[in-house]
């Protein structure tokens, strides 16, 4: 029965992703609780980064390169529009862009959004973002004997997505280092812009040395220039946060 329900939800999500351009997008809110994440920013070809961003946005130049942004998240609870709390895994990949509206500590253009939360994926599809439902999206963090560090393994594979995984060591944040951080992720089509504005009021950052691995012939593999990318030297972080709030808005 569970597999049948997953297939029905997946079909609804795919239908929404195919037909979203036929009407105005619908904004929504999301609340996250008890989460950990990997967030990494590293260099990629500026030409490739710029080519992956619609003309209404501008890829950010970091030195002589562009910046790829890779994120994997696991939360004990995620609520869409104040609904039921559902354990959720998420993965995002994008390119750093110049802040379109001058807000946020970081601004990224969305290339991939995947989650095992069907309600969240459907909400993004209805808002105009072609998010992908991956019911088996994996996020595993295994502590070593110290209880302060461990290894992250995340795996993503959904319909139309190049399979990819994230693997490597991470260290928990030091005590009493929580801070406020605001992240904006954007998406655009010919009619609308979609903004994901997330506020992490008490996020703490540890260290990370993970790598990204994928098919070298895929869109993602071509962006990173091969099967793997282990250089997230611009921003290699393990994030831990008790709560976060995201507002998704759709504008012409």
Protein backbone atom coordinates (compact mmCIF):
# COMPACT_ATOMS: atom_id res chain seq x y z
CA UNK A 1 0.00 0.00 0.00
CA UNK A 2 2.86 2.35 0.85
CA UNK A 3 4.43 1.86 -2.58
CA UNK A 4 1.11 2.55 -4.27
CA UNK A 5 0.68 5.79 -2.33
CA UNK A 6 4.21 6.85 -3.20
CA UNK A 7 3.52 6.26 -6.89
CA UNK A 8 0.30 8.28 -6.72
CA UNK A 9 2.03 11.17 -5.01
CA UNK A 10 4.90 10.99 -7.49
CA UNK A 11 2.44 11.15 -10.39
CA UNK A 12 0.76 14.19 -8.85
CA UNK A 13 4.13 15.86 -8.37
CA UNK A 14 5.17 15.16 -11.93
CA UNK A 15 1.86 16.45 -13.26
CA UNK A 16 2.35 19.65 -11.32
CA UNK A 17 5.91 20.05 -12.57
CA UNK A 18 4.76 19.62 -16.17
CA UNK A 19 1.82 22.03 -15.95
CA UNK A 20 3.10 24.71 -13.58
CA UNK A 21 3.76 27.17 -16.40
CA UNK A 22 0.08 27.30 -17.31
CA UNK A 23 -0.94 29.50 -14.37
CA UNK A 24 0.38 31.74 -11.59
CA UNK A 25 2.68 30.10 -9.07
CA UNK A 26 1.55 29.62 -5.49
CA UNK A 27 3.76 30.74 -2.60
CA UNK A 28 4.01 28.87 0.69
CA UNK A 29 5.89 28.66 3.98
CA UNK A 30 7.98 25.90 5.53
CA UNK A 31 9.13 25.37 9.12
CA UNK A 32 12.10 23.12 9.86
CA UNK A 33 13.02 21.58 13.22
CA UNK A 34 16.01 19.67 14.59
CA UNK A 35 18.15 19.64 11.48
CA UNK A 36 21.70 18.96 10.38
CA UNK A 37 23.17 19.78 6.99
CA UNK A 38 26.16 19.86 4.74
CA UNK A 39 26.59 23.17 2.94
CA UNK A 40 29.50 23.59 0.59
CA UNK A 41 30.57 26.24 -1.90
CA UNK A 42 33.43 25.62 -4.28
CA UNK A 43 34.92 26.89 -7.54
CA UNK A 44 33.61 25.93 -10.97
CA UNK A 45 34.11 27.42 -14.41
CA UNK A 46 32.54 30.88 -14.47
CA UNK A 47 31.49 30.35 -18.07
CA UNK A 48 29.65 27.15 -17.15
CA UNK A 49 28.14 28.72 -14.04
CA UNK A 50 26.96 31.75 -15.98
CA UNK A 51 25.47 29.60 -18.74
CA UNK A 52 23.35 27.73 -16.20
CA UNK A 53 21.72 30.92 -14.87
CA UNK A 54 18.85 32.70 -16.72
CA UNK A 55 19.58 36.20 -18.00
CA UNK A 56 17.43 37.80 -15.29
CA UNK A 57 20.14 36.77 -12.81
CA UNK A 58 23.93 37.16 -12.82
CA UNK A 59 26.34 34.46 -11.71
CA UNK A 60 28.62 35.67 -8.93
CA UNK A 61 32.29 35.91 -9.74
CA UNK A 62 34.43 34.46 -6.97
CA UNK A 63 37.96 35.43 -7.91
CA UNK A 64 38.21 34.16 -11.49
CA UNK A 65 35.58 31.44 -11.09
CA UNK A 66 31.93 30.86 -10.39
CA UNK A 67 30.70 29.09 -7.29
CA UNK A 68 28.76 25.82 -7.10
CA UNK A 69 26.60 25.39 -4.00
CA UNK A 70 25.84 21.89 -2.71
CA UNK A 71 23.55 21.20 0.20
CA UNK A 72 22.15 18.10 1.89
CA UNK A 73 19.80 18.38 4.87
CA UNK A 74 18.00 16.10 7.29
CA UNK A 75 15.31 17.33 9.69
CA UNK A 76 13.28 15.47 12.29
CA UNK A 77 10.31 17.62 11.30
CA UNK A 78 9.21 19.78 8.36
CA UNK A 79 5.85 21.57 8.17
CA UNK A 80 4.47 22.98 4.93
CA UNK A 81 2.04 25.87 5.47
CA UNK A 82 1.75 24.97 9.15
CA UNK A 83 0.64 21.41 8.44
CA UNK A 84 1.80 18.11 9.88
CA UNK A 85 5.44 17.70 10.88
CA UNK A 86 7.18 15.10 8.68
CA UNK A 87 10.76 13.78 8.95
CA UNK A 88 12.44 15.05 5.79
CA UNK A 89 15.64 14.80 3.77
CA UNK A 90 16.50 17.42 1.16
CA UNK A 91 19.27 18.05 -1.34
CA UNK A 92 19.89 21.26 -3.27
CA UNK A 93 22.49 22.16 -5.86
CA UNK A 94 22.88 25.58 -7.39
CA UNK A 95 25.16 28.37 -8.51
CA UNK A 96 26.01 31.48 -6.52
CA UNK A 97 24.45 34.64 -7.96
CA UNK A 98 24.65 38.36 -7.36
CA UNK A 99 21.90 39.21 -4.81
CA UNK A 100 18.89 40.15 -6.96
CA UNK A 101 17.22 42.21 -4.24
CA UNK A 102 20.13 43.01 -1.92
CA UNK A 103 19.03 40.59 0.82
CA UNK A 104 20.50 37.42 2.28
CA UNK A 105 23.94 36.30 3.40
CA UNK A 106 24.09 34.09 0.32
CA UNK A 107 22.05 33.97 -2.90
CA UNK A 108 21.95 30.93 -5.16
CA UNK A 109 20.20 29.91 -8.36
CA UNK A 110 18.48 26.51 -8.10
CA UNK A 111 19.66 23.80 -10.48
CA UNK A 112 18.44 20.79 -8.46
CA UNK A 113 15.95 20.46 -5.62
CA UNK A 114 15.07 16.98 -4.39
CA UNK A 115 13.32 15.66 -1.29
CA UNK A 116 11.66 12.56 0.12
CA UNK A 117 8.84 14.81 1.44
CA UNK A 118 6.09 14.55 -1.21
CA UNK A 119 4.09 17.47 0.23
CA UNK A 120 7.14 19.74 0.08
CA UNK A 121 7.96 18.67 -3.49
CA UNK A 122 4.38 19.25 -4.61
CA UNK A 123 4.36 22.72 -3.02
CA UNK A 124 7.51 23.62 -4.95
CA UNK A 125 6.07 22.29 -8.18
CA UNK A 126 2.92 24.38 -7.72
CA UNK A 127 5.11 27.41 -7.02
CA UNK A 128 6.93 26.85 -10.32
CA UNK A 129 10.10 25.08 -9.17
CA UNK A 130 10.56 21.63 -10.79
CA UNK A 131 11.50 19.87 -7.57
CA UNK A 132 11.99 16.11 -7.75
CA UNK A 133 10.44 13.54 -5.43
CA UNK A 134 12.97 10.94 -4.31
CA UNK A 135 11.29 8.68 -1.71
CA UNK A 136 14.61 6.92 -1.01
CA UNK A 137 16.76 10.03 -0.64
CA UNK A 138 19.48 9.05 1.84
CA UNK A 139 21.11 11.25 4.49
CA UNK A 140 23.25 9.38 7.00
CA UNK A 141 25.67 10.83 9.53
CA UNK A 142 27.63 8.24 11.50
CA UNK A 143 29.60 9.40 14.54
CA UNK A 144 33.05 8.06 15.27
CA UNK A 145 34.32 7.06 18.72
CA UNK A 146 34.77 10.70 19.80
CA UNK A 147 31.08 11.48 19.49
CA UNK A 148 32.05 14.87 18.04
CA UNK A 149 32.87 13.96 14.45
CA UNK A 150 31.81 11.42 11.91
CA UNK A 151 31.08 10.65 8.27
CA UNK A 152 28.29 11.96 6.09
CA UNK A 153 26.75 9.92 3.29
CA UNK A 154 23.92 11.37 1.19
CA UNK A 155 22.52 9.82 -1.97
CA UNK A 156 20.03 11.31 -4.43
CA UNK A 157 18.33 9.71 -7.41
CA UNK A 158 14.99 10.77 -8.83
CA UNK A 159 13.15 10.72 -12.13
CA UNK A 160 15.05 12.95 -14.55
CA UNK A 161 17.89 13.55 -12.10
CA UNK A 162 21.49 12.42 -12.55
CA UNK A 163 22.28 10.14 -9.58
CA UNK A 164 24.79 11.71 -7.23
CA UNK A 165 26.12 11.18 -3.75
CA UNK A 166 27.99 13.14 -1.11
CA UNK A 167 30.52 11.46 1.15
CA UNK A 168 33.19 12.49 3.64
CA UNK A 169 34.17 13.45 7.19
CA UNK A 170 32.56 16.24 9.21
CA UNK A 171 32.97 17.72 12.68
CA UNK A 172 30.23 19.07 14.92
CA UNK A 173 30.16 22.79 15.76
CA UNK A 174 31.86 24.08 18.88
CA UNK A 175 29.51 24.89 21.80
CA UNK A 176 27.91 28.34 22.03
CA UNK A 177 28.64 29.34 18.44
CA UNK A 178 25.07 29.77 17.19
CA UNK A 179 24.39 32.68 14.84
CA UNK A 180 21.72 34.01 12.54
CA UNK A 181 22.11 33.22 8.84
CA UNK A 182 19.84 34.08 5.92
CA UNK A 183 19.95 32.17 2.62
CA UNK A 184 18.04 32.91 -0.57
CA UNK A 185 17.57 30.38 -3.36
CA UNK A 186 16.01 31.52 -6.65
CA UNK A 187 14.41 30.00 -9.72
CA UNK A 188 12.97 31.59 -12.87
CA UNK A 189 11.01 30.73 -15.96
CA UNK A 190 9.78 32.95 -18.77
CA UNK A 191 6.93 34.33 -16.65
CA UNK A 192 7.88 34.28 -12.98
CA UNK A 193 10.62 34.39 -10.38
CA UNK A 194 10.49 32.17 -7.33
CA UNK A 195 12.39 33.12 -4.19
CA UNK A 196 13.09 30.82 -1.26
CA UNK A 197 14.01 33.07 1.67
CA UNK A 198 15.23 31.00 4.62
CA UNK A 199 16.13 32.33 8.06
CA UNK A 200 18.25 30.18 10.38
CA UNK A 201 18.14 32.17 13.65
CA UNK A 202 20.36 29.81 15.68
CA UNK A 203 22.55 27.81 13.34
CA UNK A 204 25.98 26.55 14.39
CA UNK A 205 28.71 25.61 11.94
CA UNK A 206 31.29 22.87 12.18
CA UNK A 207 33.77 21.73 9.56
CA UNK A 208 33.35 19.43 6.57
CA UNK A 209 35.58 17.74 4.00
CA UNK A 210 33.04 15.93 1.84
CA UNK A 211 33.11 15.28 -1.87
CA UNK A 212 30.40 15.24 -4.52
CA UNK A 213 30.27 12.32 -7.00
CA UNK A 214 28.12 11.89 -10.11
CA UNK A 215 27.96 10.86 -13.77
CA UNK A 216 30.49 12.95 -15.70
CA UNK A 217 28.18 13.18 -18.73
CA UNK A 218 25.23 14.59 -16.78
CA UNK A 219 24.40 18.28 -16.39
CA UNK A 220 25.95 18.19 -12.93
CA UNK A 221 29.01 16.28 -14.10
CA UNK A 222 29.61 18.77 -16.89
CA UNK A 223 29.32 21.66 -14.43
CA UNK A 224 31.96 20.20 -12.10
CA UNK A 225 34.08 18.91 -15.00
CA UNK A 226 34.09 15.18 -14.26
CA UNK A 227 32.91 12.48 -11.88
CA UNK A 228 33.87 14.22 -8.66
CA UNK A 229 34.31 17.53 -6.91
CA UNK A 230 36.14 17.56 -3.60
CA UNK A 231 36.98 21.26 -3.51
CA UNK A 232 34.44 23.16 -1.44
CA UNK A 233 37.10 25.45 -0.04
CA UNK A 234 34.98 28.60 -0.28
CA UNK A 235 32.55 27.32 2.35
CA UNK A 236 32.85 23.75 3.70
CA UNK A 237 30.40 23.49 6.62
CA UNK A 238 28.42 21.10 8.77
CA UNK A 239 25.39 22.99 10.02
CA UNK A 240 23.28 22.17 13.06
CA UNK A 241 20.13 24.14 13.82
CA UNK A 242 17.05 23.68 16.04
CA UNK A 243 14.65 25.65 13.86
CA UNK A 244 14.43 27.53 10.58
CA UNK A 245 11.66 29.27 8.64
CA UNK A 246 11.35 29.60 4.88
CA UNK A 247 9.02 31.83 2.86
CA UNK A 248 8.58 30.99 -0.81
CA UNK A 249 7.22 33.85 -2.94
CA UNK A 250 6.36 34.03 -6.62
CA UNK A 251 6.56 37.28 -8.59
CA UNK A 252 6.31 38.33 -12.21
